[in-house]
C-alpha atoms as a PDB file:
ATOM      1  CA  MET A   1      -9.418  82.831 102.771  1.00  0.00           C
ATOM      2  CA  ASN A   2      -8.122  84.739 106.036  1.00  0.00           C
ATOM      3  CA  ALA A   3      -4.878  85.105 107.639  1.00  0.00           C
ATOM      4  CA  PRO A   4      -4.462  87.231 110.919  1.00  0.00           C
ATOM      5  CA  TYR A   5      -2.540  90.493 110.748  1.00  0.00           C
ATOM      6  CA  HIS A   6       0.170  91.102 113.206  1.00  0.00           C
ATOM      7  CA  SER A   7       2.315  94.404 113.798  1.00  0.00           C
ATOM      8  CA  VAL A   8       5.463  92.513 114.187  1.00  0.00           C
ATOM      9  CA  PRO A   9       6.937  90.040 111.319  1.00  0.00           C
ATOM     10  CA  GLN A  10       6.155  86.482 112.261  1.00  0.00           C
ATOM     11  CA  VAL A  11       4.996  83.254 110.960  1.00  0.00           C
ATOM     12  CA  GLU A  12       1.320  82.616 110.836  1.00  0.00           C
ATOM     13  CA  PRO A  13      -0.033  79.082 109.908  1.00  0.00           C
ATOM     14  CA  PHE A  14      -3.500  78.691 108.538  1.00  0.00           C
ATOM     15  CA  PHE A  15      -5.815  76.748 106.237  1.00  0.00           C
ATOM     16  CA  PHE A  16      -7.956  78.221 103.469  1.00  0.00           C
ATOM     17  CA  ASP A  17     -10.687  76.660 101.289  1.00  0.00           C
ATOM     18  CA  VAL A  18      -9.748  75.853  97.569  1.00  0.00           C
ATOM     19  CA  ASP A  19     -11.994  73.411  95.946  1.00  0.00           C
ATOM     20  CA  PRO A  20     -11.471  70.424  96.852  1.00  0.00           C
ATOM     21  CA  GLY A  21     -10.812  70.849 100.408  1.00  0.00           C
ATOM     22  CA  THR A  22      -8.319  72.925 102.242  1.00  0.00           C
ATOM     23  CA  ARG A  23      -4.656  74.166 101.726  1.00  0.00           C
ATOM     24  CA  PHE A  24      -2.141  74.600 104.383  1.00  0.00           C
ATOM     25  CA  CYS A  25      -0.420  77.854 104.387  1.00  0.00           C
ATOM     26  CA  LEU A  26       2.245  79.955 106.128  1.00  0.00           C
ATOM     27  CA  TYR A  27       2.050  83.542 106.066  1.00  0.00           C
ATOM     28  CA  HIS A  28       5.277  85.635 106.753  1.00  0.00           C
ATOM     29  CA  ALA A  29       4.113  89.302 107.685  1.00  0.00           C
ATOM     30  CA  PRO A  30       6.384  92.120 106.091  1.00  0.00           C
ATOM     31  CA  ASN A  31       8.477  93.860 108.547  1.00  0.00           C
ATOM     32  CA  PRO A  32       6.471  97.008 109.638  1.00  0.00           C
ATOM     33  CA  ARG A  33       9.828  98.897 110.270  1.00  0.00           C
ATOM     34  CA  VAL A  34      10.712  99.050 106.577  1.00  0.00           C
ATOM     35  CA  PRO A  35       8.724 100.247 103.631  1.00  0.00           C
ATOM     36  CA  PRO A  36       6.368  97.805 102.087  1.00  0.00           C
ATOM     37  CA  ARG A  37       7.912  96.101  99.035  1.00  0.00           C
ATOM     38  CA  GLY A  38       5.367  93.843  97.541  1.00  0.00           C
ATOM     39  CA  ALA A  39       4.546  90.168  98.198  1.00  0.00           C
ATOM     40  CA  VAL A  40       6.130  86.795  97.278  1.00  0.00           C
ATOM     41  CA  LEU A  41       4.383  83.592  96.765  1.00  0.00           C
ATOM     42  CA  TYR A  42       6.441  80.270  97.065  1.00  0.00           C
ATOM     43  CA  ALA A  43       5.979  77.298  94.747  1.00  0.00           C
ATOM     44  CA  HIS A  44       7.533  74.293  96.373  1.00  0.00           C
ATOM     45  CA  PRO A  45       9.132  71.533  94.641  1.00  0.00           C
ATOM     46  CA  PHE A  46       8.082  67.993  93.750  1.00  0.00           C
ATOM     47  CA  ALA A  47       7.350  64.910  96.241  1.00  0.00           C
ATOM     48  CA  GLU A  48      10.333  64.441  98.732  1.00  0.00           C
ATOM     49  CA  GLU A  49      12.002  67.415  97.552  1.00  0.00           C
ATOM     50  CA  LEU A  50       9.335  69.526  99.218  1.00  0.00           C
ATOM     51  CA  ASN A  51      10.241  68.217 102.589  1.00  0.00           C
ATOM     52  CA  LEU A  52      13.843  68.420 102.142  1.00  0.00           C
ATOM     53  CA  SER A  53      13.536  72.063 100.965  1.00  0.00           C
ATOM     54  CA  ARG A  54      11.464  73.300 103.819  1.00  0.00           C
ATOM     55  CA  ARG A  55      14.734  74.591 105.758  1.00  0.00           C
ATOM     56  CA  MET A  56      15.813  76.645 102.729  1.00  0.00           C
ATOM     57  CA  ALA A  57      12.337  77.833 102.046  1.00  0.00           C
ATOM     58  CA  ALA A  58      11.785  78.901 105.765  1.00  0.00           C
ATOM     59  CA  GLN A  59      15.047  80.841 105.946  1.00  0.00           C
ATOM     60  CA  GLN A  60      14.442  82.569 102.710  1.00  0.00           C
ATOM     61  CA  ALA A  61      10.775  83.302 103.394  1.00  0.00           C
ATOM     62  CA  ARG A  62      12.092  85.150 106.907  1.00  0.00           C
ATOM     63  CA  ALA A  63      14.676  87.102 104.881  1.00  0.00           C
ATOM     64  CA  PHE A  64      12.180  88.274 102.334  1.00  0.00           C
ATOM     65  CA  ALA A  65       9.850  89.245 105.122  1.00  0.00           C
ATOM     66  CA  ALA A  66      12.612  91.056 106.913  1.00  0.00           C
ATOM     67  CA  LEU A  67      12.987  93.079 103.581  1.00  0.00           C
ATOM     68  CA  GLY A  68       9.373  94.158 103.813  1.00  0.00           C
ATOM     69  CA  TYR A  69       7.751  91.572 101.651  1.00  0.00           C
ATOM     70  CA  ALA A  70       4.660  89.634 102.350  1.00  0.00           C
ATOM     71  CA  VAL A  71       5.409  86.037 101.844  1.00  0.00           C
ATOM     72  CA  LEU A  72       2.766  83.176 101.455  1.00  0.00           C
ATOM     73  CA  GLN A  73       4.018  79.640 101.381  1.00  0.00           C
ATOM     74  CA  ILE A  74       1.339  77.063 100.405  1.00  0.00           C
ATOM     75  CA  ASP A  75       1.565  73.317 100.269  1.00  0.00           C
ATOM     76  CA  LEU A  76      -0.377  72.353  96.972  1.00  0.00           C
ATOM     77  CA  PHE A  77      -3.371  70.066  96.951  1.00  0.00           C
ATOM     78  CA  GLY A  78      -2.302  66.258  97.802  1.00  0.00           C
ATOM     79  CA  CYS A  79       1.258  67.840  99.133  1.00  0.00           C
ATOM     80  CA  GLY A  80       2.553  68.272 102.589  1.00  0.00           C
ATOM     81  CA  ASP A  81      -0.011  69.319 104.987  1.00  0.00           C
ATOM     82  CA  SER A  82      -2.630  70.139 102.567  1.00  0.00           C
ATOM     83  CA  CYS A  83      -5.897  67.746 101.798  1.00  0.00           C
ATOM     84  CA  GLY A  84      -5.964  65.195  99.354  1.00  0.00           C
ATOM     85  CA  GLU A  85      -3.593  62.079  98.613  1.00  0.00           C
ATOM     86  CA  PHE A  86      -0.495  62.614  96.336  1.00  0.00           C
ATOM     87  CA  THR A  87      -2.057  60.338  93.750  1.00  0.00           C
ATOM     88  CA  ALA A  88      -4.912  62.627  93.536  1.00  0.00           C
ATOM     89  CA  GLY A  89      -2.520  65.655  92.625  1.00  0.00           C
ATOM     90  CA  ARG A  90      -2.912  67.368  89.289  1.00  0.00           C
ATOM     91  CA  TRP A  91      -0.816  69.920  87.443  1.00  0.00           C
ATOM     92  CA  SER A  92      -4.006  71.902  86.635  1.00  0.00           C
ATOM     93  CA  GLN A  93      -5.091  71.827  90.233  1.00  0.00           C
ATOM     94  CA  TRP A  94      -1.801  73.078  91.294  1.00  0.00           C
ATOM     95  CA  GLN A  95      -1.905  76.046  88.940  1.00  0.00           C
ATOM     96  CA  ARG A  96      -5.411  76.762  90.175  1.00  0.00           C
ATOM     97  CA  ASP A  97      -3.956  76.580  94.051  1.00  0.00           C
ATOM     98  CA  LEU A  98      -1.243  79.311  93.033  1.00  0.00           C
ATOM     99  CA  ALA A  99      -3.776  81.390  91.130  1.00  0.00           C
ATOM    100  CA  VAL A 100      -6.027  81.736  94.144  1.00  0.00           C
ATOM    101  CA  ALA A 101      -2.989  82.220  96.508  1.00  0.00           C
ATOM    102  CA  ALA A 102      -1.729  84.728  93.972  1.00  0.00           C
ATOM    103  CA  ASP A 103      -5.077  86.728  94.144  1.00  0.00           C
ATOM    104  CA  TRP A 104      -5.026  86.907  97.779  1.00  0.00           C
ATOM    105  CA  LEU A 105      -1.727  88.261  98.161  1.00  0.00           C
ATOM    106  CA  ALA A 106      -2.197  90.803  95.450  1.00  0.00           C
ATOM    107  CA  GLU A 107      -5.300  91.961  97.309  1.00  0.00           C
ATOM    108  CA  ARG A 108      -3.503  92.036 100.608  1.00  0.00           C
ATOM    109  CA  GLN A 109      -0.094  93.611  99.712  1.00  0.00           C
ATOM    110  CA  ALA A 110       0.429  96.415  97.363  1.00  0.00           C
ATOM    111  CA  GLY A 111       3.443  96.330  95.160  1.00  0.00           C
ATOM    112  CA  PRO A 112       5.163  94.068  92.851  1.00  0.00           C
ATOM    113  CA  LEU A 113       4.019  90.472  93.063  1.00  0.00           C
ATOM    114  CA  TYR A 114       6.903  87.838  92.571  1.00  0.00           C
ATOM    115  CA  ILE A 115       6.387  83.973  92.215  1.00  0.00           C
ATOM    116  CA  TRP A 116       9.211  82.051  93.770  1.00  0.00           C
ATOM    117  CA  GLY A 117       9.729  78.639  92.673  1.00  0.00           C
ATOM    118  CA  VAL A 118      12.166  75.716  93.485  1.00  0.00           C
ATOM    119  CA  ARG A 119      12.944  73.110  91.031  1.00  0.00           C
ATOM    120  CA  LEU A 120       9.634  71.711  89.390  1.00  0.00           C
ATOM    121  CA  GLY A 121       7.868  74.846  91.475  1.00  0.00           C
ATOM    122  CA  ALA A 122       9.933  77.008  89.155  1.00  0.00           C
ATOM    123  CA  LEU A 123       8.359  75.375  86.270  1.00  0.00           C
ATOM    124  CA  LEU A 124       4.867  75.772  87.900  1.00  0.00           C
ATOM    125  CA  ALA A 125       5.668  79.439  88.438  1.00  0.00           C
ATOM    126  CA  MET A 126       6.806  80.003  84.701  1.00  0.00           C
ATOM    127  CA  ASP A 127       3.452  78.218  83.709  1.00  0.00           C
ATOM    128  CA  LEU A 128       1.586  80.523  85.918  1.00  0.00           C
ATOM    129  CA  ALA A 129       3.374  83.518  84.577  1.00  0.00           C
ATOM    130  CA  SER A 130       2.361  82.431  80.888  1.00  0.00           C
ATOM    131  CA  SER A 131      -1.544  82.697  81.865  1.00  0.00           C
ATOM    132  CA  ARG A 132      -1.564  85.754  84.062  1.00  0.00           C
ATOM    133  CA  ALA A 133       0.258  88.945  84.450  1.00  0.00           C
ATOM    134  CA  VAL A 134       3.072  88.823  87.456  1.00  0.00           C
ATOM    135  CA  ASP A 135       5.860  91.391  88.230  1.00  0.00           C
ATOM    136  CA  GLY A 136       8.366  88.902  88.460  1.00  0.00           C
ATOM    137  CA  LEU A 137       9.644  85.340  89.111  1.00  0.00           C
ATOM    138  CA  ILE A 138      12.475  84.218  91.488  1.00  0.00           C
ATOM    139  CA  LEU A 139      13.676  80.769  90.168  1.00  0.00           C
ATOM    140  CA  TRP A 140      15.927  78.659  92.313  1.00  0.00           C
ATOM    141  CA  GLN A 141      17.429  75.726  90.421  1.00  0.00           C
ATOM    142  CA  PRO A 142      14.748  75.480  88.002  1.00  0.00           C
ATOM    143  CA  LEU A 143      13.710  72.445  86.078  1.00  0.00           C
ATOM    144  CA  ILE A 144      12.742  73.507  82.505  1.00  0.00           C
ATOM    145  CA  SER A 145      11.137  70.247  81.432  1.00  0.00           C
ATOM    146  CA  GLY A 146       8.363  68.408  83.201  1.00  0.00           C
ATOM    147  CA  ARG A 147       9.711  65.175  81.442  1.00  0.00           C
ATOM    148  CA  THR A 148      13.238  65.472  83.068  1.00  0.00           C
ATOM    149  CA  CYS A 149      11.392  65.906  86.451  1.00  0.00           C
ATOM    150  CA  ILE A 150       9.570  62.616  86.056  1.00  0.00           C
ATOM    151  CA  ASP A 151      12.769  60.840  84.632  1.00  0.00           C
ATOM    152  CA  GLN A 152      14.654  62.124  87.687  1.00  0.00           C
ATOM    153  CA  PHE A 153      11.902  60.808  90.013  1.00  0.00           C
ATOM    154  CA  LEU A 154      11.810  57.299  88.345  1.00  0.00           C
ATOM    155  CA  ARG A 155      15.535  57.018  88.698  1.00  0.00           C
ATOM    156  CA  GLN A 156      15.056  56.841  92.390  1.00  0.00           C
ATOM    157  CA  ARG A 157      13.054  53.660  91.956  1.00  0.00           C
ATOM    158  CA  MET A 158      16.225  52.232  89.967  1.00  0.00           C
ATOM    159  CA  SER A 159      18.451  53.417  92.686  1.00  0.00           C
ATOM    160  CA  ALA A 160      16.511  51.614  95.638  1.00  0.00           C
ATOM    161  CA  ASP A 161      16.007  48.457  93.385  1.00  0.00           C
ATOM    162  CA  PRO A 162      18.980  47.388  91.317  1.00  0.00           C
ATOM    163  CA  SER A 163      16.835  44.766  89.485  1.00  0.00           C
ATOM    164  CA  ARG A 164      15.109  47.911  87.574  1.00  0.00           C
ATOM    165  CA  LYS A 165      18.233  49.126  86.095  1.00  0.00           C
ATOM    166  CA  ALA A 166      18.409  46.642  83.436  1.00  0.00           C
ATOM    167  CA  GLY A 167      15.179  47.942  81.832  1.00  0.00           C
ATOM    168  CA  GLY A 168      15.911  51.515  82.640  1.00  0.00           C
ATOM    169  CA  ILE A 169      13.640  54.447  82.456  1.00  0.00           C
ATOM    170  CA  PRO A 170      11.572  53.003  79.386  1.00  0.00           C
ATOM    171  CA  ALA A 171      10.720  49.893  81.412  1.00  0.00           C
ATOM    172  CA  LEU A 172       9.399  51.870  84.409  1.00  0.00           C
ATOM    173  CA  ARG A 173       7.312  54.036  82.041  1.00  0.00           C
ATOM    174  CA  ALA A 174       5.823  51.017  80.453  1.00  0.00           C
ATOM    175  CA  GLU A 175       4.882  49.817  83.782  1.00  0.00           C
ATOM    176  CA  LEU A 176       3.482  53.095  84.890  1.00  0.00           C
ATOM    177  CA  ALA A 177       1.322  53.258  81.684  1.00  0.00           C
ATOM    178  CA  ALA A 178       0.171  49.566  81.932  1.00  0.00           C
ATOM    179  CA  ARG A 179      -0.614  49.906  85.886  1.00  0.00           C
ATOM    180  CA  GLY A 180      -1.757  53.414  85.916  1.00  0.00           C
ATOM    181  CA  ARG A 181       0.228  53.892  89.241  1.00  0.00           C
ATOM    182  CA  ILE A 182       3.740  53.060  90.524  1.00  0.00           C
ATOM    183  CA  GLU A 183       5.456  53.422  93.797  1.00  0.00           C
ATOM    184  CA  VAL A 184       8.564  55.596  93.917  1.00  0.00           C
ATOM    185  CA  ALA A 185      10.532  56.435  97.072  1.00  0.00           C
ATOM    186  CA  GLY A 186       7.281  56.128  99.245  1.00  0.00           C
ATOM    187  CA  PHE A 187       5.163  57.980  97.013  1.00  0.00           C
ATOM    188  CA  GLU A 188       2.446  56.711  94.531  1.00  0.00           C
ATOM    189  CA  LEU A 189       2.949  58.298  91.192  1.00  0.00           C
ATOM    190  CA  ASP A 190      -0.305  58.313  89.129  1.00  0.00           C
ATOM    191  CA  LEU A 191      -0.160  58.193  85.448  1.00  0.00           C
ATOM    192  CA  ALA A 192      -2.379  61.217  85.023  1.00  0.00           C
ATOM    193  CA  LEU A 193      -0.438  63.431  87.347  1.00  0.00           C
ATOM    194  CA  ALA A 194       2.907  62.274  85.477  1.00  0.00           C
ATOM    195  CA  ARG A 195       1.534  63.104  81.963  1.00  0.00           C
ATOM    196  CA  GLY A 196       0.360  66.458  83.388  1.00  0.00           C
ATOM    197  CA  ILE A 197       3.786  67.426  84.592  1.00  0.00           C
ATOM    198  CA  GLU A 198       5.322  66.064  81.341  1.00  0.00           C
ATOM    199  CA  ALA A 199       3.148  68.233  79.314  1.00  0.00           C
ATOM    200  CA  CYS A 200       4.722  71.482  80.441  1.00  0.00           C
ATOM    201  CA  GLU A 201       8.049  72.349  79.050  1.00  0.00           C
ATOM    202  CA  ALA A 202       9.475  76.076  79.471  1.00  0.00           C
ATOM    203  CA  ILE A 203      10.433  76.478  75.808  1.00  0.00           C
ATOM    204  CA  ARG A 204       6.708  76.260  74.715  1.00  0.00           C
ATOM    205  CA  LEU A 205       5.339  78.845  77.371  1.00  0.00           C
ATOM    206  CA  ASP A 206       4.610  82.315  76.312  1.00  0.00           C
ATOM    207  CA  LEU A 207       5.847  84.235  79.153  1.00  0.00           C
ATOM    208  CA  LYS A 208       4.044  87.685  79.765  1.00  0.00           C
ATOM    209  CA  PRO A 209       6.513  90.518  80.284  1.00  0.00           C
ATOM    210  CA  CYS A 210       8.010  90.438  83.718  1.00  0.00           C
ATOM    211  CA  THR A 211      11.297  90.284  85.531  1.00  0.00           C
ATOM    212  CA  VAL A 212      12.988  86.909  86.108  1.00  0.00           C
ATOM    213  CA  HIS A 213      15.643  86.241  88.619  1.00  0.00           C
ATOM    214  CA  TRP A 214      17.018  82.837  87.630  1.00  0.00           C
ATOM    215  CA  PHE A 215      19.371  81.340  90.251  1.00  0.00           C
ATOM    216  CA  SER A 216      21.150  78.133  89.353  1.00  0.00           C
ATOM    217  CA  SER A 217      24.611  76.266  89.160  1.00  0.00           C
ATOM    218  CA  ALA A 218      23.772  75.293  85.610  1.00  0.00           C
ATOM    219  CA  ALA A 219      23.756  77.805  82.692  1.00  0.00           C
ATOM    220  CA  MET A 220      20.542  78.997  81.393  1.00  0.00           C
ATOM    221  CA  PRO A 221      19.793  77.611  77.948  1.00  0.00           C
ATOM    222  CA  ARG A 222      20.389  80.218  75.259  1.00  0.00           C
ATOM    223  CA  ARG A 223      17.271  79.486  73.390  1.00  0.00           C
ATOM    224  CA  LEU A 224      15.038  79.849  76.297  1.00  0.00           C
ATOM    225  CA  ALA A 225      16.710  83.190  77.235  1.00  0.00           C
ATOM    226  CA  ALA A 226      16.548  84.444  73.716  1.00  0.00           C
ATOM    227  CA  ARG A 227      12.674  83.642  73.476  1.00  0.00           C
ATOM    228  CA  TRP A 228      11.961  85.201  76.739  1.00  0.00           C
ATOM    229  CA  ARG A 229      13.781  88.272  75.839  1.00  0.00           C
ATOM    230  CA  GLN A 230      11.911  88.610  72.756  1.00  0.00           C
ATOM    231  CA  ALA A 231       8.514  88.311  74.694  1.00  0.00           C
ATOM    232  CA  GLY A 232       9.784  91.620  76.636  1.00  0.00           C
ATOM    233  CA  VAL A 233      11.081  89.564  79.611  1.00  0.00           C
ATOM    234  CA  THR A 234      13.715  91.261  81.586  1.00  0.00           C
ATOM    235  CA  LEU A 235      16.226  88.311  82.565  1.00  0.00           C
ATOM    236  CA  HIS A 236      18.878  88.358  85.378  1.00  0.00           C
ATOM    237  CA  TYR A 237      20.905  85.363  85.521  1.00  0.00           C
ATOM    238  CA  HIS A 238      22.799  84.766  88.726  1.00  0.00           C
ATOM    239  CA  ALA A 239      25.338  81.842  88.723  1.00  0.00           C
ATOM    240  CA  ILE A 240      25.753  80.209  92.165  1.00  0.00           C
ATOM    241  CA  GLU A 241      27.336  77.052  93.405  1.00  0.00           C
ATOM    242  CA  ALA A 242      24.134  75.654  95.152  1.00  0.00           C
ATOM    243  CA  LEU A 243      24.285  72.491  97.362  1.00  0.00           C
ATOM    244  CA  PRO A 244      21.796  69.987  96.494  1.00  0.00           C
ATOM    245  CA  PHE A 245      19.591  70.834  99.596  1.00  0.00           C
ATOM    246  CA  TRP A 246      16.387  69.222  97.676  1.00  0.00           C
ATOM    247  CA  SER A 247      17.911  65.903  97.387  1.00  0.00           C
ATOM    248  CA  ASP A 248      20.494  65.367  99.957  1.00  0.00           C
ATOM    249  CA  PRO A 249      19.316  65.375 103.940  1.00  0.00           C
ATOM    250  CA  ALA A 250      22.967  65.652 104.910  1.00  0.00           C
ATOM    251  CA  ARG A 251      23.083  69.216 103.212  1.00  0.00           C
ATOM    252  CA  PRO A 252      19.785  70.856 104.280  1.00  0.00           C
ATOM    253  CA  GLU A 253      20.984  74.537 103.553  1.00  0.00           C
ATOM    254  CA  SER A 254      22.738  76.102 100.667  1.00  0.00           C
ATOM    255  CA  PRO A 255      24.415  79.267 102.059  1.00  0.00           C
ATOM    256  CA  SER A 256      25.590  80.555  98.787  1.00  0.00           C
ATOM    257  CA  LEU A 257      22.093  80.521  97.168  1.00  0.00           C
ATOM    258  CA  LEU A 258      20.647  82.204 100.348  1.00  0.00           C
ATOM    259  CA  ALA A 259      23.421  84.970 100.029  1.00  0.00           C
ATOM    260  CA  ALA A 260      22.908  85.567  96.364  1.00  0.00           C
ATOM    261  CA  THR A 261      19.326  86.076  96.683  1.00  0.00           C
ATOM    262  CA  ALA A 262      19.646  88.354  99.570  1.00  0.00           C
ATOM    263  CA  ARG A 263      22.137  90.423  97.658  1.00  0.00           C
ATOM    264  CA  VAL A 264      19.839  90.836  94.792  1.00  0.00           C
ATOM    265  CA  PHE A 265      16.647  91.574  96.851  1.00  0.00           C
ATOM    266  CA  ALA A 266      18.320  93.829  99.070  1.00  0.00           C
ATOM    267  CA  ALA A 267      19.606  95.783  96.052  1.00  0.00           C
ATOM    268  CA  LEU A 268      16.172  96.118  94.598  1.00  0.00           C
ATOM    269  CA  ASP A 269      14.549  99.632  94.329  1.00  0.00           C
ATOM    270  CA  ASP A 270      10.715 100.226  94.924  1.00  0.00           C
ATOM    271  CA  ASP A 271       9.874  99.603  91.192  1.00  0.00           C
ATOM    272  CA  GLY A 272      11.830  96.343  91.213  1.00  0.00           C
ATOM    273  CA  ALA A 273      14.813  97.207  89.213  1.00  0.00           C
ATOM    274  CA  THR A 274      18.310  95.995  90.364  1.00  0.00           C
ATOM    275  CA  GLY A 275      21.602  97.364  89.984  1.00  0.00           C
ATOM    276  CA  ALA A 276      23.157  93.997  90.685  1.00  0.00           C
ATOM    277  CA  ALA A 277      25.211  92.545  88.092  1.00  0.00           C
ATOM    278  CA  ALA A 278      23.356  89.703  85.800  1.00  0.00           C
ATOM    279  CA  GLY A 279      24.945  87.156  83.904  1.00  0.00           C
ATOM    280  CA  ALA A 280      24.065  86.964  80.073  1.00  0.00           C
ATOM    281  CA  PRO A 281      23.318  83.338  79.050  1.00  0.00           C
END
């Protein structure tokens, strides 16, 4: 897995090998004019939310790089410009992809390693942080339940086909179980992929001690916050009014979310501590 090094901050697209096939990546070199501050690995959201979030992800990745972070964006197996069909995607494979990418970043850039996840990508980041040590998580509008993600995805099928509303989500789930695959908004959802996603629930994850920056327009569940604090997690909750860039093509940006993230990470010291105010869920 090799990406070219340049003396000025810029974006370098490249592919690296991860069995099976290759993964498409964008590497943002850290600003050489400021002290290096560590690395950030991006975990993208699910299905079409990946595409709708690309503008926000690109803007924030450039902002992190300008602050001195090395940033890696990876399209997971079966997603975006990486190899594989969406139907062949699996939660376990996505975890392996992130782990390989995290190892590469850790070897390339000294300092704290953050996993930055959006929506379902935030749940992927939490799952990764329960199996390996990371310095921190950056969670944008996180989903804490894989089942909720699949429910929201299936509702798109109901919105596109009014005849499906009568049976609701249970009927669509029954169809998926019977056929093994169902089309939703141009994506073929495979039963094994859906079950893998649904098996992940944040409340059941045992996060290793790290720092979590949770950015959301919804309150963080108190039970989850209490569980994490008991596990030694340092939790910072940042309440924001985020526009739904992940679901609304007419609103591809959420300036308040970008501004809030910039404020927090510009204030971090070299040890990753922050003097910014954090809410207490």
